[in-house]
Amino acid sequence: MAKPSSVRKSARPASRKASKSGPGNVRCVLCAMDLTETSHHALAMAAELAEAYDAKLLVVHVVEVWDKRYDFLVKNLTKELAAEANEKVHAELAHLEKDAAIEVEALVCKGNPVDEVMKVVAERKPDLLVIGANGGRVDRDEPLGSVANRLLTISPVSVVVNRPCVAPDIKRVLCATDGSAVSRLALDWAIDLAKREHVESLEIVNAFQVPTGYIEAGMTFDQAREKMRKLHEDEVAKIQKQRQNEKIRLVPILEDGPAAEVICSVADVERADLVVIGYRARSQFARFLLGSVALKVVRQAHVSVLVVKDEEHKLTFLEALMKF
């Protein structure tokens, strides 16, 4: 397909080649659409990611209420979705002045949206799921939307929750770290994606709070706060040392306060385009529920969030129950 006559110029190099090994080995990006404006923004982000990873873009739309007399419409709707997905992909390629081809496929299913999307995940085995979130900052007690919230919590693969107010260009990436195994996995994802997007530096955020027992330990609040800060500074320094051979600059940001609030605040200040955060299950059953920090970040952040899930999420719900 010929490039559009009007092409946005990009300061980034045209090539985004990176290692095909590791957690960033994404071969298929799945975008779940409900045909709302929010989901059209999510499709633009999915096209951006498919291009970055040289991955296939799979688009699925689920029709919840259906009359068999309207079966003939499925073919037309499938063609329209495929055409829009191709348009988004070619716009992204033109943006980067690239000619590489990205495979695009569209599916229209009938039934319960969550069930049908999960069937596609099980059958097609995508490496990344992209869904849309409501515009603006969502109140911490307000759900993202029943379908988006369910997909986010039960998806066995990592999920990008896209904010419609954010352009799909990923120029500033922020990764939340806490020293856990899953945060290290999230950092792997963040570094890999930053390299593919030719981002020169990556902000790594580490939040800490003073424990309530500092008085019993014979310390003042300020003394306890400095001890906690030193502990977390050492933790961040260790992360930097372990990643010193990475061809990307890690910029540590250490803040005092509740983790989710700190992460969202720093994302605003740094004008991040994407926050990367790991999910850590706290029980076998909780493998299918998002940890409180990750969920709060997804709900409160102004920007898109990549929730990185570990291998335990690849278990089916039945397999998890059988482990009790």
C-alpha atoms as a PDB file:
ATOM      1  CA  MET A   1       0.000   0.000   0.000  1.00  0.00           C
ATOM      2  CA  ALA A   2       1.281   3.449  -0.907  1.00  0.00           C
ATOM      3  CA  LYS A   3       2.128   5.849   1.890  1.00  0.00           C
ATOM      4  CA  PRO A   4      -0.349   8.629   2.560  1.00  0.00           C
ATOM      5  CA  SER A   5       0.531  11.958   0.979  1.00  0.00           C
ATOM      6  CA  SER A   6       0.520  13.663   4.372  1.00  0.00           C
ATOM      7  CA  VAL A   7       3.009  11.929   6.666  1.00  0.00           C
ATOM      8  CA  ARG A   8       3.842  12.979  10.214  1.00  0.00           C
ATOM      9  CA  LYS A   9       7.610  13.216  10.545  1.00  0.00           C
ATOM     10  CA  SER A  10       9.219  11.280  13.368  1.00  0.00           C
ATOM     11  CA  ALA A  11      12.506  11.994  15.088  1.00  0.00           C
ATOM     12  CA  ARG A  12      12.903   8.285  15.794  1.00  0.00           C
ATOM     13  CA  PRO A  13      14.925   6.023  13.475  1.00  0.00           C
ATOM     14  CA  ALA A  14      12.894   3.917  11.093  1.00  0.00           C
ATOM     15  CA  SER A  15      14.304   0.615  12.338  1.00  0.00           C
ATOM     16  CA  ARG A  16      13.113  -0.816  15.623  1.00  0.00           C
ATOM     17  CA  LYS A  17      14.866  -4.160  15.530  1.00  0.00           C
ATOM     18  CA  ALA A  18      15.599  -5.663  18.933  1.00  0.00           C
ATOM     19  CA  SER A  19      16.327  -9.047  20.421  1.00  0.00           C
ATOM     20  CA  LYS A  20      13.670 -11.660  19.823  1.00  0.00           C
ATOM     21  CA  SER A  21      14.449 -13.385  23.124  1.00  0.00           C
ATOM     22  CA  GLY A  22      13.132 -12.661  26.597  1.00  0.00           C
ATOM     23  CA  PRO A  23       9.778 -11.398  27.871  1.00  0.00           C
ATOM     24  CA  GLY A  24       9.497  -8.944  24.989  1.00  0.00           C
ATOM     25  CA  ASN A  25       9.145 -11.766  22.473  1.00  0.00           C
ATOM     26  CA  VAL A  26       5.706 -10.618  21.306  1.00  0.00           C
ATOM     27  CA  ARG A  27       4.494 -12.319  18.141  1.00  0.00           C
ATOM     28  CA  CYS A  28       0.812 -11.480  18.337  1.00  0.00           C
ATOM     29  CA  VAL A  29      -0.998  -8.430  19.756  1.00  0.00           C
ATOM     30  CA  LEU A  30      -4.730  -8.860  20.391  1.00  0.00           C
ATOM     31  CA  CYS A  31      -6.969  -5.793  20.533  1.00  0.00           C
ATOM     32  CA  ALA A  32     -10.482  -6.196  21.948  1.00  0.00           C
ATOM     33  CA  MET A  33     -12.882  -3.638  20.441  1.00  0.00           C
ATOM     34  CA  ASP A  34     -16.462  -2.659  21.236  1.00  0.00           C
ATOM     35  CA  LEU A  35     -16.594  -0.057  18.417  1.00  0.00           C
ATOM     36  CA  THR A  36     -16.699   2.877  20.885  1.00  0.00           C
ATOM     37  CA  GLU A  37     -14.326   5.836  20.518  1.00  0.00           C
ATOM     38  CA  THR A  38     -12.314   4.469  23.421  1.00  0.00           C
ATOM     39  CA  SER A  39     -11.689   1.182  21.636  1.00  0.00           C
ATOM     40  CA  HIS A  40     -10.668   2.976  18.434  1.00  0.00           C
ATOM     41  CA  HIS A  41      -7.935   4.706  20.466  1.00  0.00           C
ATOM     42  CA  ALA A  42      -6.949   1.287  21.840  1.00  0.00           C
ATOM     43  CA  LEU A  43      -6.643  -0.005  18.278  1.00  0.00           C
ATOM     44  CA  ALA A  44      -4.200   2.813  17.475  1.00  0.00           C
ATOM     45  CA  MET A  45      -2.075   1.760  20.469  1.00  0.00           C
ATOM     46  CA  ALA A  46      -2.302  -1.901  19.401  1.00  0.00           C
ATOM     47  CA  ALA A  47      -1.056  -0.922  15.922  1.00  0.00           C
ATOM     48  CA  GLU A  48       1.833   0.972  17.517  1.00  0.00           C
ATOM     49  CA  LEU A  49       2.802  -2.079  19.580  1.00  0.00           C
ATOM     50  CA  ALA A  50       2.384  -4.524  16.688  1.00  0.00           C
ATOM     51  CA  GLU A  51       4.757  -2.378  14.639  1.00  0.00           C
ATOM     52  CA  ALA A  52       7.246  -2.083  17.506  1.00  0.00           C
ATOM     53  CA  TYR A  53       7.371  -5.853  17.960  1.00  0.00           C
ATOM     54  CA  ASP A  54       6.971  -6.751  14.262  1.00  0.00           C
ATOM     55  CA  ALA A  55       4.009  -8.786  15.489  1.00  0.00           C
ATOM     56  CA  LYS A  56       0.693  -9.827  14.029  1.00  0.00           C
ATOM     57  CA  LEU A  57      -2.258  -7.600  14.939  1.00  0.00           C
ATOM     58  CA  LEU A  58      -5.417  -9.541  15.779  1.00  0.00           C
ATOM     59  CA  VAL A  59      -8.606  -7.522  16.296  1.00  0.00           C
ATOM     60  CA  VAL A  60     -11.723  -9.025  17.892  1.00  0.00           C
ATOM     61  CA  HIS A  61     -15.205  -7.583  18.300  1.00  0.00           C
ATOM     62  CA  VAL A  62     -17.965  -9.447  20.132  1.00  0.00           C
ATOM     63  CA  VAL A  63     -21.633  -8.924  19.317  1.00  0.00           C
ATOM     64  CA  GLU A  64     -23.484  -9.646  22.556  1.00  0.00           C
ATOM     65  CA  VAL A  65     -27.082  -9.595  21.311  1.00  0.00           C
ATOM     66  CA  TRP A  66     -27.641 -11.268  17.981  1.00  0.00           C
ATOM     67  CA  ASP A  67     -30.451 -12.321  15.674  1.00  0.00           C
ATOM     68  CA  LYS A  68     -29.671 -15.073  13.168  1.00  0.00           C
ATOM     69  CA  ARG A  69     -31.447 -13.037  10.503  1.00  0.00           C
ATOM     70  CA  TYR A  70     -28.508 -10.612  10.688  1.00  0.00           C
ATOM     71  CA  ASP A  71     -25.776 -13.187  10.041  1.00  0.00           C
ATOM     72  CA  PHE A  72     -25.019 -11.579   6.689  1.00  0.00           C
ATOM     73  CA  LEU A  73     -23.762  -8.493   8.549  1.00  0.00           C
ATOM     74  CA  VAL A  74     -20.892 -10.401  10.173  1.00  0.00           C
ATOM     75  CA  LYS A  75     -18.910 -10.576   6.938  1.00  0.00           C
ATOM     76  CA  ASN A  76     -19.302  -6.840   6.322  1.00  0.00           C
ATOM     77  CA  LEU A  77     -18.378  -5.964   9.913  1.00  0.00           C
ATOM     78  CA  THR A  78     -15.320  -8.215   9.754  1.00  0.00           C
ATOM     79  CA  LYS A  79     -14.163  -6.467   6.589  1.00  0.00           C
ATOM     80  CA  GLU A  80     -14.689  -3.030   8.166  1.00  0.00           C
ATOM     81  CA  LEU A  81     -12.681  -3.969  11.268  1.00  0.00           C
ATOM     82  CA  ALA A  82      -9.863  -5.392   9.161  1.00  0.00           C
ATOM     83  CA  ALA A  83      -9.849  -2.265   7.000  1.00  0.00           C
ATOM     84  CA  GLU A  84      -9.639   0.038  10.039  1.00  0.00           C
ATOM     85  CA  ALA A  85      -6.894  -2.068  11.633  1.00  0.00           C
ATOM     86  CA  ASN A  86      -4.901  -1.993   8.386  1.00  0.00           C
ATOM     87  CA  GLU A  87      -5.380   1.755   8.174  1.00  0.00           C
ATOM     88  CA  LYS A  88      -4.031   2.230  11.717  1.00  0.00           C
ATOM     89  CA  VAL A  89      -1.039  -0.021  10.991  1.00  0.00           C
ATOM     90  CA  HIS A  90      -0.171   1.720   7.725  1.00  0.00           C
ATOM     91  CA  ALA A  91      -0.534   5.128   9.391  1.00  0.00           C
ATOM     92  CA  GLU A  92       1.986   4.004  12.026  1.00  0.00           C
ATOM     93  CA  LEU A  93       4.373   2.663   9.360  1.00  0.00           C
ATOM     94  CA  ALA A  94       4.076   5.918   7.410  1.00  0.00           C
ATOM     95  CA  HIS A  95       4.740   7.846  10.629  1.00  0.00           C
ATOM     96  CA  LEU A  96       8.068   5.997  10.926  1.00  0.00           C
ATOM     97  CA  GLU A  97       8.672   6.031   7.159  1.00  0.00           C
ATOM     98  CA  LYS A  98       8.771   2.241   7.081  1.00  0.00           C
ATOM     99  CA  ASP A  99       7.620  -0.154   4.371  1.00  0.00           C
ATOM    100  CA  ALA A 100       7.520  -3.341   6.454  1.00  0.00           C
ATOM    101  CA  ALA A 101       4.295  -5.321   6.321  1.00  0.00           C
ATOM    102  CA  ILE A 102       2.358  -6.104   9.498  1.00  0.00           C
ATOM    103  CA  GLU A 103      -0.111  -8.992   9.331  1.00  0.00           C
ATOM    104  CA  VAL A 104      -3.634  -7.985  10.342  1.00  0.00           C
ATOM    105  CA  GLU A 105      -6.631 -10.216  11.051  1.00  0.00           C
ATOM    106  CA  ALA A 106     -10.112  -9.301  12.318  1.00  0.00           C
ATOM    107  CA  LEU A 107     -12.631 -11.565  14.053  1.00  0.00           C
ATOM    108  CA  VAL A 108     -16.295 -10.969  14.853  1.00  0.00           C
ATOM    109  CA  CYS A 109     -17.734 -13.298  17.485  1.00  0.00           C
ATOM    110  CA  LYS A 110     -21.186 -13.703  18.974  1.00  0.00           C
ATOM    111  CA  GLY A 111     -21.844 -14.174  22.695  1.00  0.00           C
ATOM    112  CA  ASN A 112     -20.607 -12.843  26.025  1.00  0.00           C
ATOM    113  CA  PRO A 113     -17.753 -10.367  25.381  1.00  0.00           C
ATOM    114  CA  VAL A 114     -15.491 -11.580  28.200  1.00  0.00           C
ATOM    115  CA  ASP A 115     -16.051 -15.266  27.416  1.00  0.00           C
ATOM    116  CA  GLU A 116     -15.483 -14.816  23.695  1.00  0.00           C
ATOM    117  CA  VAL A 117     -12.330 -12.718  24.093  1.00  0.00           C
ATOM    118  CA  MET A 118     -10.931 -15.296  26.512  1.00  0.00           C
ATOM    119  CA  LYS A 119     -11.716 -18.034  23.979  1.00  0.00           C
ATOM    120  CA  VAL A 120      -9.715 -16.120  21.386  1.00  0.00           C
ATOM    121  CA  VAL A 121      -6.865 -15.754  23.897  1.00  0.00           C
ATOM    122  CA  ALA A 122      -6.930 -19.505  24.593  1.00  0.00           C
ATOM    123  CA  GLU A 123      -7.107 -20.497  20.918  1.00  0.00           C
ATOM    124  CA  ARG A 124      -4.831 -17.893  19.305  1.00  0.00           C
ATOM    125  CA  LYS A 125      -2.401 -17.501  22.219  1.00  0.00           C
ATOM    126  CA  PRO A 126      -1.552 -13.803  21.817  1.00  0.00           C
ATOM    127  CA  ASP A 127       1.348 -12.430  23.843  1.00  0.00           C
ATOM    128  CA  LEU A 128      -0.312  -9.119  24.658  1.00  0.00           C
ATOM    129  CA  LEU A 129      -3.915  -7.942  25.059  1.00  0.00           C
ATOM    130  CA  VAL A 130      -4.845  -4.289  24.449  1.00  0.00           C
ATOM    131  CA  ILE A 131      -8.095  -2.872  25.821  1.00  0.00           C
ATOM    132  CA  GLY A 132      -9.515   0.636  26.168  1.00  0.00           C
ATOM    133  CA  ALA A 133     -10.200   2.498  29.427  1.00  0.00           C
ATOM    134  CA  ASN A 134     -12.618   5.308  30.175  1.00  0.00           C
ATOM    135  CA  GLY A 135     -11.353   8.793  29.421  1.00  0.00           C
ATOM    136  CA  GLY A 136      -9.816  10.935  32.142  1.00  0.00           C
ATOM    137  CA  ARG A 137      -8.896   9.862  35.677  1.00  0.00           C
ATOM    138  CA  VAL A 138     -11.168   7.208  37.084  1.00  0.00           C
ATOM    139  CA  ASP A 139     -12.194   7.373  40.742  1.00  0.00           C
ATOM    140  CA  ARG A 140     -10.500   4.635  42.755  1.00  0.00           C
ATOM    141  CA  ASP A 141     -13.854   3.079  43.668  1.00  0.00           C
ATOM    142  CA  GLU A 142     -15.258   3.263  40.151  1.00  0.00           C
ATOM    143  CA  PRO A 143     -14.674   0.260  37.869  1.00  0.00           C
ATOM    144  CA  LEU A 144     -13.027   0.630  34.477  1.00  0.00           C
ATOM    145  CA  GLY A 145     -16.168  -0.826  32.963  1.00  0.00           C
ATOM    146  CA  SER A 146     -17.426  -4.336  33.579  1.00  0.00           C
ATOM    147  CA  VAL A 147     -15.927  -5.913  30.456  1.00  0.00           C
ATOM    148  CA  ALA A 148     -12.565  -4.112  30.645  1.00  0.00           C
ATOM    149  CA  ASN A 149     -12.259  -4.824  34.366  1.00  0.00           C
ATOM    150  CA  ARG A 150     -12.959  -8.533  33.894  1.00  0.00           C
ATOM    151  CA  LEU A 151     -10.550  -8.844  30.975  1.00  0.00           C
ATOM    152  CA  LEU A 152      -7.869  -7.087  32.966  1.00  0.00           C
ATOM    153  CA  THR A 153      -8.231  -9.334  35.995  1.00  0.00           C
ATOM    154  CA  ILE A 154      -8.612 -12.747  34.335  1.00  0.00           C
ATOM    155  CA  SER A 155      -6.419 -12.415  31.260  1.00  0.00           C
ATOM    156  CA  PRO A 156      -3.609 -14.991  31.364  1.00  0.00           C
ATOM    157  CA  VAL A 157      -1.399 -12.673  29.282  1.00  0.00           C
ATOM    158  CA  SER A 158      -0.071  -9.199  29.964  1.00  0.00           C
ATOM    159  CA  VAL A 159      -2.538  -6.374  29.333  1.00  0.00           C
ATOM    160  CA  VAL A 160      -2.209  -2.814  28.071  1.00  0.00           C
ATOM    161  CA  VAL A 161      -5.006  -0.578  29.357  1.00  0.00           C
ATOM    162  CA  ASN A 162      -5.051   2.353  26.946  1.00  0.00           C
ATOM    163  CA  ARG A 163      -6.207   5.850  27.840  1.00  0.00           C
ATOM    164  CA  PRO A 164      -8.005   7.576  24.953  1.00  0.00           C
ATOM    165  CA  CYS A 165      -6.428  10.942  25.784  1.00  0.00           C
ATOM    166  CA  VAL A 166      -2.962   9.591  25.059  1.00  0.00           C
ATOM    167  CA  ALA A 167      -1.411   9.480  21.577  1.00  0.00           C
ATOM    168  CA  PRO A 168      -0.084   6.038  20.624  1.00  0.00           C
ATOM    169  CA  ASP A 169       3.498   7.323  20.264  1.00  0.00           C
ATOM    170  CA  ILE A 170       5.587   5.903  23.126  1.00  0.00           C
ATOM    171  CA  LYS A 171       8.415   8.341  23.839  1.00  0.00           C
ATOM    172  CA  ARG A 172       8.596   8.271  27.653  1.00  0.00           C
ATOM    173  CA  VAL A 173       8.336   5.029  29.605  1.00  0.00           C
ATOM    174  CA  LEU A 174       8.096   4.698  33.381  1.00  0.00           C
ATOM    175  CA  CYS A 175       8.482   1.395  35.240  1.00  0.00           C
ATOM    176  CA  ALA A 176       7.403   0.745  38.830  1.00  0.00           C
ATOM    177  CA  THR A 177       9.889  -1.345  40.823  1.00  0.00           C
ATOM    178  CA  ASP A 178       9.764  -2.831  44.307  1.00  0.00           C
ATOM    179  CA  GLY A 179      12.520  -5.440  44.238  1.00  0.00           C
ATOM    180  CA  SER A 180      10.130  -8.355  43.678  1.00  0.00           C
ATOM    181  CA  ALA A 181      10.544 -10.996  40.955  1.00  0.00           C
ATOM    182  CA  VAL A 182       7.528  -9.735  39.028  1.00  0.00           C
ATOM    183  CA  SER A 183       8.784  -6.126  39.119  1.00  0.00           C
ATOM    184  CA  ARG A 184      12.050  -7.386  37.637  1.00  0.00           C
ATOM    185  CA  LEU A 185      10.007  -9.038  34.909  1.00  0.00           C
ATOM    186  CA  ALA A 186       8.145  -5.761  34.365  1.00  0.00           C
ATOM    187  CA  LEU A 187      11.499  -3.981  34.064  1.00  0.00           C
ATOM    188  CA  ASP A 188      12.576  -6.521  31.438  1.00  0.00           C
ATOM    189  CA  TRP A 189       9.441  -5.660  29.453  1.00  0.00           C
ATOM    190  CA  ALA A 190       9.970  -1.918  29.941  1.00  0.00           C
ATOM    191  CA  ILE A 191      13.612  -2.008  28.812  1.00  0.00           C
ATOM    192  CA  ASP A 192      12.826  -4.155  25.792  1.00  0.00           C
ATOM    193  CA  LEU A 193       9.960  -1.912  24.671  1.00  0.00           C
ATOM    194  CA  ALA A 194      11.968   1.261  25.322  1.00  0.00           C
ATOM    195  CA  LYS A 195      14.731  -0.076  23.075  1.00  0.00           C
ATOM    196  CA  ARG A 196      12.261  -0.906  20.328  1.00  0.00           C
ATOM    197  CA  GLU A 197      10.800   2.587  20.575  1.00  0.00           C
ATOM    198  CA  HIS A 198      14.322   4.091  20.594  1.00  0.00           C
ATOM    199  CA  VAL A 199      13.702   5.724  23.958  1.00  0.00           C
ATOM    200  CA  GLU A 200      17.029   6.910  25.380  1.00  0.00           C
ATOM    201  CA  SER A 201      16.175   6.774  29.085  1.00  0.00           C
ATOM    202  CA  LEU A 202      13.754   4.890  31.294  1.00  0.00           C
ATOM    203  CA  GLU A 203      12.416   6.200  34.615  1.00  0.00           C
ATOM    204  CA  ILE A 204      12.274   3.564  37.358  1.00  0.00           C
ATOM    205  CA  VAL A 205      10.022   4.521  40.281  1.00  0.00           C
ATOM    206  CA  ASN A 206      10.401   3.124  43.758  1.00  0.00           C
ATOM    207  CA  ALA A 207       7.997   4.175  46.532  1.00  0.00           C
ATOM    208  CA  PHE A 208       8.451   3.676  50.265  1.00  0.00           C
ATOM    209  CA  GLN A 209       6.517   4.373  53.453  1.00  0.00           C
ATOM    210  CA  VAL A 210       7.541   4.581  57.104  1.00  0.00           C
ATOM    211  CA  PRO A 211       6.315   1.486  59.000  1.00  0.00           C
ATOM    212  CA  THR A 212       3.966   2.096  61.925  1.00  0.00           C
ATOM    213  CA  GLY A 213       6.244   0.411  64.486  1.00  0.00           C
ATOM    214  CA  TYR A 214       9.040   2.980  64.376  1.00  0.00           C
ATOM    215  CA  ILE A 215       8.206   4.352  67.857  1.00  0.00           C
ATOM    216  CA  GLU A 216       8.425   0.890  69.425  1.00  0.00           C
ATOM    217  CA  ALA A 217      11.799   0.533  67.674  1.00  0.00           C
ATOM    218  CA  GLY A 218      13.029   3.624  69.532  1.00  0.00           C
ATOM    219  CA  MET A 219      13.203   5.902  66.484  1.00  0.00           C
ATOM    220  CA  THR A 220      11.710   9.226  65.569  1.00  0.00           C
ATOM    221  CA  PHE A 221       9.672   9.535  62.399  1.00  0.00           C
ATOM    222  CA  ASP A 222      12.538  11.313  60.614  1.00  0.00           C
ATOM    223  CA  GLN A 223      15.024   8.638  61.662  1.00  0.00           C
ATOM    224  CA  ALA A 224      12.717   5.869  60.432  1.00  0.00           C
ATOM    225  CA  ARG A 225      12.103   7.748  57.188  1.00  0.00           C
ATOM    226  CA  GLU A 226      15.835   8.105  56.500  1.00  0.00           C
ATOM    227  CA  LYS A 227      16.429   4.423  57.230  1.00  0.00           C
ATOM    228  CA  MET A 228      13.646   3.472  54.800  1.00  0.00           C
ATOM    229  CA  ARG A 229      14.994   5.869  52.178  1.00  0.00           C
ATOM    230  CA  LYS A 230      18.513   4.400  52.514  1.00  0.00           C
ATOM    231  CA  LEU A 231      17.122   0.872  52.231  1.00  0.00           C
ATOM    232  CA  HIS A 232      15.266   1.711  49.032  1.00  0.00           C
ATOM    233  CA  GLU A 233      18.171   3.730  47.628  1.00  0.00           C
ATOM    234  CA  ASP A 234      20.345   0.622  48.003  1.00  0.00           C
ATOM    235  CA  GLU A 235      17.640  -1.436  46.312  1.00  0.00           C
ATOM    236  CA  VAL A 236      17.472   0.933  43.333  1.00  0.00           C
ATOM    237  CA  ALA A 237      21.284   1.085  43.134  1.00  0.00           C
ATOM    238  CA  LYS A 238      21.348  -2.707  42.965  1.00  0.00           C
ATOM    239  CA  ILE A 239      18.872  -2.652  40.076  1.00  0.00           C
ATOM    240  CA  GLN A 240      21.004  -0.096  38.232  1.00  0.00           C
ATOM    241  CA  LYS A 241      24.150  -2.164  38.749  1.00  0.00           C
ATOM    242  CA  GLN A 242      22.456  -5.298  37.450  1.00  0.00           C
ATOM    243  CA  ARG A 243      21.339  -3.408  34.320  1.00  0.00           C
ATOM    244  CA  GLN A 244      24.513  -1.387  33.748  1.00  0.00           C
ATOM    245  CA  ASN A 245      25.215  -3.142  30.446  1.00  0.00           C
ATOM    246  CA  GLU A 246      21.804  -2.285  29.002  1.00  0.00           C
ATOM    247  CA  LYS A 247      21.970   0.201  26.152  1.00  0.00           C
ATOM    248  CA  ILE A 248      19.505   2.493  27.875  1.00  0.00           C
ATOM    249  CA  ARG A 249      19.861   4.943  30.754  1.00  0.00           C
ATOM    250  CA  LEU A 250      17.915   4.067  33.901  1.00  0.00           C
ATOM    251  CA  VAL A 251      16.791   7.154  35.825  1.00  0.00           C
ATOM    252  CA  PRO A 252      15.845   6.312  39.455  1.00  0.00           C
ATOM    253  CA  ILE A 253      13.008   8.200  41.121  1.00  0.00           C
ATOM    254  CA  LEU A 254      12.550   7.533  44.844  1.00  0.00           C
ATOM    255  CA  GLU A 255       9.479   8.984  46.554  1.00  0.00           C
ATOM    256  CA  ASP A 256       7.871   8.714  49.980  1.00  0.00           C
ATOM    257  CA  GLY A 257       4.174   7.802  49.975  1.00  0.00           C
ATOM    258  CA  PRO A 258       1.581   5.184  48.990  1.00  0.00           C
ATOM    259  CA  ALA A 259       2.906   3.283  45.984  1.00  0.00           C
ATOM    260  CA  ALA A 260      -0.037   3.793  43.598  1.00  0.00           C
ATOM    261  CA  GLU A 261      -0.276   7.512  44.353  1.00  0.00           C
ATOM    262  CA  VAL A 262       3.475   7.981  43.913  1.00  0.00           C
ATOM    263  CA  ILE A 263       3.529   6.097  40.602  1.00  0.00           C
ATOM    264  CA  CYS A 264       0.598   8.063  39.157  1.00  0.00           C
ATOM    265  CA  SER A 265       2.001  11.384  40.393  1.00  0.00           C
ATOM    266  CA  VAL A 266       5.439  10.714  38.903  1.00  0.00           C
ATOM    267  CA  ALA A 267       3.833   9.618  35.626  1.00  0.00           C
ATOM    268  CA  ASP A 268       2.077  12.994  35.479  1.00  0.00           C
ATOM    269  CA  VAL A 269       5.177  15.010  36.363  1.00  0.00           C
ATOM    270  CA  GLU A 270       7.405  13.107  33.930  1.00  0.00           C
ATOM    271  CA  ARG A 271       4.695  13.178  31.252  1.00  0.00           C
ATOM    272  CA  ALA A 272       5.055   9.455  30.669  1.00  0.00           C
ATOM    273  CA  ASP A 273       3.303   7.872  27.709  1.00  0.00           C
ATOM    274  CA  LEU A 274       3.272   4.427  29.312  1.00  0.00           C
ATOM    275  CA  VAL A 275       3.570   3.039  32.834  1.00  0.00           C
ATOM    276  CA  VAL A 276       4.816  -0.538  33.170  1.00  0.00           C
ATOM    277  CA  ILE A 277       3.940  -2.379  36.373  1.00  0.00           C
ATOM    278  CA  GLY A 278       4.092  -6.020  37.428  1.00  0.00           C
ATOM    279  CA  TYR A 279       1.322  -7.996  39.030  1.00  0.00           C
ATOM    280  CA  ARG A 280       2.197 -10.149  42.033  1.00  0.00           C
ATOM    281  CA  ALA A 281      -0.353 -12.744  43.165  1.00  0.00           C
ATOM    282  CA  ARG A 282      -0.634 -13.118  46.927  1.00  0.00           C
ATOM    283  CA  SER A 283      -2.465 -16.450  46.965  1.00  0.00           C
ATOM    284  CA  GLN A 284      -3.326 -19.218  44.517  1.00  0.00           C
ATOM    285  CA  PHE A 285      -6.844 -17.873  44.072  1.00  0.00           C
ATOM    286  CA  ALA A 286      -5.507 -14.320  43.819  1.00  0.00           C
ATOM    287  CA  ARG A 287      -3.581 -15.222  40.693  1.00  0.00           C
ATOM    288  CA  PHE A 288      -6.754 -14.262  38.905  1.00  0.00           C
ATOM    289  CA  LEU A 289      -7.146 -10.947  40.720  1.00  0.00           C
ATOM    290  CA  LEU A 290      -4.952  -7.890  40.333  1.00  0.00           C
ATOM    291  CA  GLY A 291      -2.901  -6.793  43.307  1.00  0.00           C
ATOM    292  CA  SER A 292      -4.164  -3.616  44.925  1.00  0.00           C
ATOM    293  CA  VAL A 293      -1.271  -1.408  43.765  1.00  0.00           C
ATOM    294  CA  ALA A 294      -1.504  -2.454  40.110  1.00  0.00           C
ATOM    295  CA  LEU A 295      -5.287  -2.079  40.098  1.00  0.00           C
ATOM    296  CA  LYS A 296      -5.110   1.378  41.712  1.00  0.00           C
ATOM    297  CA  VAL A 297      -2.511   2.491  39.187  1.00  0.00           C
ATOM    298  CA  VAL A 298      -4.635   1.294  36.265  1.00  0.00           C
ATOM    299  CA  ARG A 299      -7.703   3.052  37.649  1.00  0.00           C
ATOM    300  CA  GLN A 300      -6.031   6.305  38.671  1.00  0.00           C
ATOM    301  CA  ALA A 301      -3.372   6.906  36.010  1.00  0.00           C
ATOM    302  CA  HIS A 302      -3.899   9.479  33.277  1.00  0.00           C
ATOM    303  CA  VAL A 303      -1.726   7.457  30.927  1.00  0.00           C
ATOM    304  CA  SER A 304      -1.763   3.988  29.431  1.00  0.00           C
ATOM    305  CA  VAL A 305      -0.578   1.153  31.671  1.00  0.00           C
ATOM    306  CA  LEU A 306       1.075  -2.142  30.759  1.00  0.00           C
ATOM    307  CA  VAL A 307       0.282  -4.730  33.443  1.00  0.00           C
ATOM    308  CA  VAL A 308       2.890  -7.485  33.210  1.00  0.00           C
ATOM    309  CA  LYS A 309       1.707 -10.869  34.383  1.00  0.00           C
ATOM    310  CA  ASP A 310       3.965 -13.761  35.299  1.00  0.00           C
ATOM    311  CA  GLU A 311       3.783 -17.376  34.151  1.00  0.00           C
ATOM    312  CA  GLU A 312       1.379 -18.347  36.926  1.00  0.00           C
ATOM    313  CA  HIS A 313      -1.362 -16.445  35.102  1.00  0.00           C
ATOM    314  CA  LYS A 314      -1.156 -18.974  32.293  1.00  0.00           C
ATOM    315  CA  LEU A 315      -2.941 -21.476  34.537  1.00  0.00           C
ATOM    316  CA  THR A 316      -6.622 -21.955  33.822  1.00  0.00           C
ATOM    317  CA  PHE A 317      -9.126 -21.124  36.544  1.00  0.00           C
ATOM    318  CA  LEU A 318      -9.893 -24.846  36.980  1.00  0.00           C
ATOM    319  CA  GLU A 319      -6.212 -25.720  37.334  1.00  0.00           C
ATOM    320  CA  ALA A 320      -5.830 -23.129  40.060  1.00  0.00           C
ATOM    321  CA  LEU A 321      -8.848 -24.453  41.947  1.00  0.00           C
ATOM    322  CA  MET A 322      -7.467 -27.992  41.729  1.00  0.00           C
ATOM    323  CA  LYS A 323      -4.301 -26.845  43.514  1.00  0.00           C
ATOM    324  CA  PHE A 324      -6.199 -25.946  46.716  1.00  0.00           C
END
